[in-house]
Amino acid sequence: MRSLLTRVLPLLVISAAACGPAEVVVTMEIEVDDPAGGGRIPRALSQVEVRLLPYDRDAVFDSIAAAYSTPEPVVPPDLLAAREQVRAAQAELEQTQQRWNALRDTLQKLGASMERLDRSSAEYTLLFRDFTNLEDQLPAVERQSDRAFALFDSLQRGTIRASDSVRILQENWSDAAFAGVADIFAAKVQASGLDLVVDTTDASGVARQHLLVRPGQYWVHARYELPYVELYWNMPVTVERGEPVQVRLTRGNAEERTRL
């Protein structure tokens, strides 16, 4: 009996694995500026909704838009150019603020070190010299930061009304053109005989707990908003049983869509 069980149990395990759901693991991360300086570092994207769809949502939207009576309103090129100026001004502002913060933090550390020293010591003299040099730089950096903020604020105010107008036009058009898209999506799920599942990335940027589906053709869909663009993913993936299907979403394989 024991010999029979030894032979049969592995077969039962293999059979159960072959009939069970297939697993998809989605990892999301983008590169950001290193706060400590020295280039770029990866940052996991947590609390981002990930959908595994048994249909190509982009193809559905494209088909509806092509058949609709009027084309979708586009963002005027001059507005796109103006928003790029705003983005550049904001980057300049952030750099000056980081420089000011770094100077302030260094001055605070130097001051704390100097308080513990004898003012007649050579070490105090050296620290005092460094403190004075950095303190002299602080007003200039502060003025630079103020000018950067004034430019950023002026450019941003100049684009707000135009951005709002275009966004309202696009939203009204979408509401009319895609009024019945939910019914189309539901019909496609039913026709596919596959699953539609949703999960959310954890603190390490990974979604896997609820991404268990029947094998077949799927699309991994997710969005992540940045200050001026939205990162958009609609990535096809063939899901099979066996080892989990690994999908990595990054800025490099995302479509960048303008945010108004």
Protein backbone atom coordinates (compact mmCIF):
# COMPACT_ATOMS: atom_id res chain seq x y z
CA MET A 1 0.00 0.00 0.00
CA ARG A 2 2.77 2.41 0.95
CA SER A 3 4.58 1.69 -2.34
CA LEU A 4 1.37 2.36 -4.28
CA LEU A 5 0.80 5.70 -2.50
CA THR A 6 4.42 6.68 -3.16
CA ARG A 7 3.83 6.20 -6.88
CA VAL A 8 0.34 7.74 -7.04
CA LEU A 9 0.75 10.90 -4.92
CA PRO A 10 3.26 12.64 -7.26
CA LEU A 11 0.93 11.95 -10.17
CA LEU A 12 -1.97 13.54 -8.26
CA VAL A 13 0.15 16.63 -7.53
CA ILE A 14 1.14 16.97 -11.18
CA SER A 15 -2.47 16.51 -12.28
CA ALA A 16 -3.71 19.16 -9.86
CA ALA A 17 -1.06 21.62 -11.05
CA ALA A 18 -1.99 20.99 -14.68
CA CYS A 19 -5.66 21.69 -14.01
CA GLY A 20 -5.20 24.65 -11.66
CA PRO A 21 -5.11 28.33 -12.58
CA ALA A 22 -2.09 30.00 -14.15
CA GLU A 23 -0.28 32.72 -12.21
CA VAL A 24 0.89 36.14 -13.36
CA VAL A 25 3.33 38.29 -11.37
CA VAL A 26 3.50 41.99 -12.26
CA THR A 27 6.36 44.19 -11.04
CA MET A 28 6.16 47.99 -11.42
CA GLU A 29 9.05 50.42 -10.99
CA ILE A 30 10.42 53.60 -12.54
CA GLU A 31 13.73 55.41 -12.29
CA VAL A 32 13.82 58.66 -10.31
CA ASP A 33 16.50 61.15 -9.34
CA ASP A 34 18.58 60.00 -6.39
CA PRO A 35 17.81 62.38 -3.48
CA ALA A 36 21.40 61.93 -2.34
CA GLY A 37 22.70 62.91 -5.75
CA GLY A 38 24.70 60.85 -8.18
CA GLY A 39 22.22 59.84 -10.87
CA ARG A 40 19.06 57.78 -10.95
CA ILE A 41 17.69 55.01 -8.76
CA PRO A 42 14.76 52.58 -9.18
CA ARG A 43 11.57 53.26 -7.21
CA ALA A 44 8.89 50.62 -6.70
CA LEU A 45 5.36 51.78 -7.56
CA SER A 46 3.08 50.72 -4.73
CA GLN A 47 -0.71 50.93 -4.45
CA VAL A 48 -1.17 50.90 -8.23
CA GLU A 49 -4.13 49.01 -9.67
CA VAL A 50 -3.23 46.30 -12.18
CA ARG A 51 -5.84 44.66 -14.42
CA LEU A 52 -5.47 41.44 -16.34
CA LEU A 53 -7.92 41.70 -19.25
CA PRO A 54 -8.89 38.97 -21.77
CA TYR A 55 -9.22 41.58 -24.56
CA ASP A 56 -7.28 44.46 -26.08
CA ARG A 57 -8.93 47.58 -24.64
CA ASP A 58 -6.94 49.87 -26.98
CA ALA A 59 -8.26 48.08 -30.04
CA VAL A 60 -11.82 48.56 -28.78
CA PHE A 61 -11.34 52.28 -28.15
CA ASP A 62 -9.58 52.76 -31.49
CA SER A 63 -12.40 51.01 -33.35
CA ILE A 64 -15.08 53.13 -31.66
CA ALA A 65 -13.15 56.37 -32.21
CA ALA A 66 -12.62 55.58 -35.91
CA ALA A 67 -16.36 55.01 -36.40
CA TYR A 68 -17.52 58.02 -34.39
CA SER A 69 -18.93 61.02 -36.22
CA THR A 70 -16.32 63.54 -35.01
CA PRO A 71 -12.60 63.12 -34.26
CA GLU A 72 -11.25 63.40 -30.73
CA PRO A 73 -10.09 66.94 -29.83
CA VAL A 74 -6.29 67.13 -29.80
CA VAL A 75 -3.97 69.20 -27.62
CA PRO A 76 -2.74 72.19 -29.68
CA PRO A 77 1.02 72.12 -30.37
CA ASP A 78 1.51 75.57 -28.81
CA LEU A 79 -0.06 74.33 -25.56
CA LEU A 80 2.20 71.27 -25.54
CA ALA A 81 5.22 73.54 -26.04
CA ALA A 82 4.08 75.84 -23.23
CA ARG A 83 3.64 72.89 -20.87
CA GLU A 84 7.17 71.72 -21.68
CA GLN A 85 8.39 75.14 -20.59
CA VAL A 86 6.48 74.74 -17.34
CA ARG A 87 8.04 71.32 -16.78
CA ALA A 88 11.55 72.70 -17.39
CA ALA A 89 10.90 75.62 -15.02
CA GLN A 90 9.69 73.23 -12.32
CA ALA A 91 12.83 71.10 -12.70
CA GLU A 92 14.98 74.21 -12.29
CA LEU A 93 12.99 75.21 -9.20
CA GLU A 94 13.42 71.78 -7.63
CA GLN A 95 17.18 71.89 -8.23
CA THR A 96 17.56 75.28 -6.54
CA GLN A 97 15.41 74.16 -3.61
CA GLN A 98 17.51 71.02 -3.19
CA ARG A 99 20.66 73.16 -3.25
CA TRP A 100 19.22 75.51 -0.59
CA ASN A 101 18.14 72.60 1.60
CA ALA A 102 21.57 70.98 1.31
CA LEU A 103 23.29 74.22 2.32
CA ARG A 104 20.95 74.69 5.29
CA ASP A 105 21.44 71.12 6.50
CA THR A 106 25.22 71.40 6.21
CA LEU A 107 25.23 74.69 8.13
CA GLN A 108 23.13 73.12 10.89
CA LYS A 109 25.54 70.18 11.19
CA LEU A 110 28.57 72.46 11.21
CA GLY A 111 26.96 74.66 13.86
CA ALA A 112 26.20 71.66 16.06
CA SER A 113 29.80 70.43 15.72
CA MET A 114 31.22 73.87 16.53
CA GLU A 115 29.17 74.14 19.74
CA ARG A 116 31.06 71.16 21.17
CA LEU A 117 34.50 72.61 20.43
CA ASP A 118 36.79 75.08 22.13
CA ARG A 119 36.73 78.31 20.08
CA SER A 120 40.49 78.58 20.37
CA SER A 121 41.09 75.15 18.83
CA ALA A 122 42.37 74.65 15.30
CA GLU A 123 39.44 72.36 14.47
CA TYR A 124 36.97 75.07 15.44
CA THR A 125 38.79 77.56 13.23
CA LEU A 126 38.57 75.24 10.23
CA LEU A 127 34.88 74.53 10.79
CA PHE A 128 34.13 78.22 11.29
CA ARG A 129 35.82 79.01 7.96
CA ASP A 130 33.69 76.40 6.19
CA PHE A 131 30.57 77.66 7.95
CA THR A 132 31.25 81.26 6.87
CA ASN A 133 31.88 80.30 3.25
CA LEU A 134 28.65 78.31 3.02
CA GLU A 135 26.67 80.96 4.87
CA ASP A 136 27.82 83.53 2.31
CA GLN A 137 26.41 81.33 -0.50
CA LEU A 138 22.98 80.93 1.07
CA PRO A 139 21.46 84.35 0.11
CA ALA A 140 22.46 83.92 -3.54
CA VAL A 141 20.92 80.44 -3.70
CA GLU A 142 17.77 81.75 -2.01
CA ARG A 143 17.44 84.55 -4.58
CA GLN A 144 17.96 82.02 -7.37
CA SER A 145 15.21 79.84 -5.89
CA ASP A 146 12.85 82.82 -5.65
CA ARG A 147 13.46 83.70 -9.32
CA ALA A 148 12.90 80.08 -10.36
CA PHE A 149 9.63 79.98 -8.45
CA ALA A 150 8.43 83.25 -9.99
CA LEU A 151 9.15 81.92 -13.51
CA PHE A 152 7.49 78.58 -12.83
CA ASP A 153 4.41 80.22 -11.30
CA SER A 154 4.05 82.65 -14.21
CA LEU A 155 4.38 79.94 -16.87
CA GLN A 156 2.02 77.61 -15.04
CA ARG A 157 -0.67 80.26 -14.66
CA GLY A 158 -0.43 80.93 -18.38
CA THR A 159 -1.35 77.33 -19.28
CA ILE A 160 -4.08 76.59 -16.72
CA ARG A 161 -7.03 78.07 -18.61
CA ALA A 162 -6.01 76.60 -21.98
CA SER A 163 -5.38 73.17 -20.40
CA ASP A 164 -8.76 73.21 -18.67
CA SER A 165 -10.55 74.11 -21.91
CA VAL A 166 -8.96 71.29 -23.90
CA ARG A 167 -9.52 68.78 -21.08
CA ILE A 168 -13.23 69.62 -20.90
CA LEU A 169 -13.57 69.20 -24.67
CA GLN A 170 -11.85 65.82 -24.53
CA GLU A 171 -13.91 64.61 -21.58
CA ASN A 172 -17.19 65.62 -23.24
CA TRP A 173 -16.15 63.90 -26.46
CA SER A 174 -15.15 60.72 -24.60
CA ASP A 175 -18.41 60.59 -22.65
CA ALA A 176 -20.36 60.71 -25.91
CA ALA A 177 -18.15 58.53 -28.10
CA PHE A 178 -17.56 55.74 -25.56
CA ALA A 179 -20.99 55.72 -23.93
CA GLY A 180 -21.53 51.98 -24.60
CA VAL A 181 -17.97 50.73 -24.12
CA ALA A 182 -18.73 48.93 -20.83
CA ASP A 183 -21.22 46.66 -22.59
CA ILE A 184 -18.65 45.89 -25.30
CA PHE A 185 -16.04 44.98 -22.68
CA ALA A 186 -18.50 42.70 -20.87
CA ALA A 187 -19.38 40.93 -24.12
CA LYS A 188 -15.70 40.40 -24.93
CA VAL A 189 -15.03 38.86 -21.52
CA GLN A 190 -17.97 36.47 -21.98
CA ALA A 191 -16.94 35.55 -25.51
CA SER A 192 -13.33 34.87 -24.45
CA GLY A 193 -14.27 32.32 -21.81
CA LEU A 194 -11.38 33.70 -19.78
CA ASP A 195 -11.05 35.71 -16.59
CA LEU A 196 -10.86 39.42 -15.75
CA VAL A 197 -8.95 39.99 -12.51
CA VAL A 198 -7.70 43.02 -10.61
CA ASP A 199 -4.91 43.40 -8.09
CA THR A 200 -2.91 46.21 -6.45
CA THR A 201 0.86 46.43 -6.16
CA ASP A 202 2.30 46.04 -2.68
CA ALA A 203 5.04 48.10 -1.00
CA SER A 204 7.68 46.41 -3.16
CA GLY A 205 5.78 47.22 -6.38
CA VAL A 206 4.57 43.64 -6.96
CA ALA A 207 1.04 42.40 -7.74
CA ARG A 208 0.42 38.66 -7.69
CA GLN A 209 -2.08 37.69 -5.01
CA HIS A 210 -5.20 37.91 -7.21
CA LEU A 211 -3.66 37.43 -10.67
CA LEU A 212 -4.69 33.78 -11.03
CA VAL A 213 -6.49 33.02 -14.31
CA ARG A 214 -7.28 30.36 -16.86
CA PRO A 215 -4.56 30.06 -19.52
CA GLY A 216 -4.99 32.20 -22.62
CA GLN A 217 -4.22 35.56 -24.22
CA TYR A 218 -4.43 38.55 -21.89
CA TRP A 219 -3.44 42.21 -21.68
CA VAL A 220 -1.83 43.73 -18.59
CA HIS A 221 -3.35 47.18 -18.06
CA ALA A 222 -2.19 49.83 -15.57
CA ARG A 223 -1.80 53.60 -15.21
CA TYR A 224 0.51 55.77 -13.13
CA GLU A 225 0.27 59.55 -12.94
CA LEU A 226 3.29 61.85 -12.95
CA PRO A 227 3.11 65.67 -12.75
CA TYR A 228 2.70 66.26 -16.51
CA VAL A 229 2.21 62.84 -18.07
CA GLU A 230 0.45 59.57 -17.37
CA LEU A 231 2.34 56.32 -17.81
CA TYR A 232 -0.01 53.90 -19.55
CA TRP A 233 0.46 50.17 -20.05
CA ASN A 234 -1.62 47.79 -22.17
CA MET A 235 0.82 44.92 -22.63
CA PRO A 236 -0.17 41.63 -24.33
CA VAL A 237 0.89 38.46 -22.53
CA THR A 238 0.27 34.78 -23.17
CA VAL A 239 -0.56 33.05 -19.88
CA GLU A 240 0.27 29.36 -19.50
CA ARG A 241 0.32 26.94 -16.59
CA GLY A 242 3.61 26.13 -14.95
CA GLU A 243 6.03 28.74 -13.72
CA PRO A 244 4.43 32.16 -12.97
CA VAL A 245 4.40 34.53 -15.95
CA GLN A 246 6.62 37.49 -15.03
CA VAL A 247 5.63 40.93 -16.36
CA ARG A 248 7.76 44.01 -15.61
CA LEU A 249 6.22 47.45 -16.15
CA THR A 250 8.65 50.37 -16.40
CA ARG A 251 8.74 53.82 -17.91
CA GLY A 252 10.64 52.32 -20.83
CA ASN A 253 7.74 50.09 -21.93
CA ALA A 254 4.96 52.55 -21.02
CA GLU A 255 3.13 54.93 -23.32
CA GLU A 256 3.45 58.50 -22.04
CA ARG A 257 0.16 60.36 -22.33
CA THR A 258 -0.19 64.10 -21.76
CA ARG A 259 -2.04 65.06 -18.57
CA LEU A 260 -3.96 68.32 -18.66
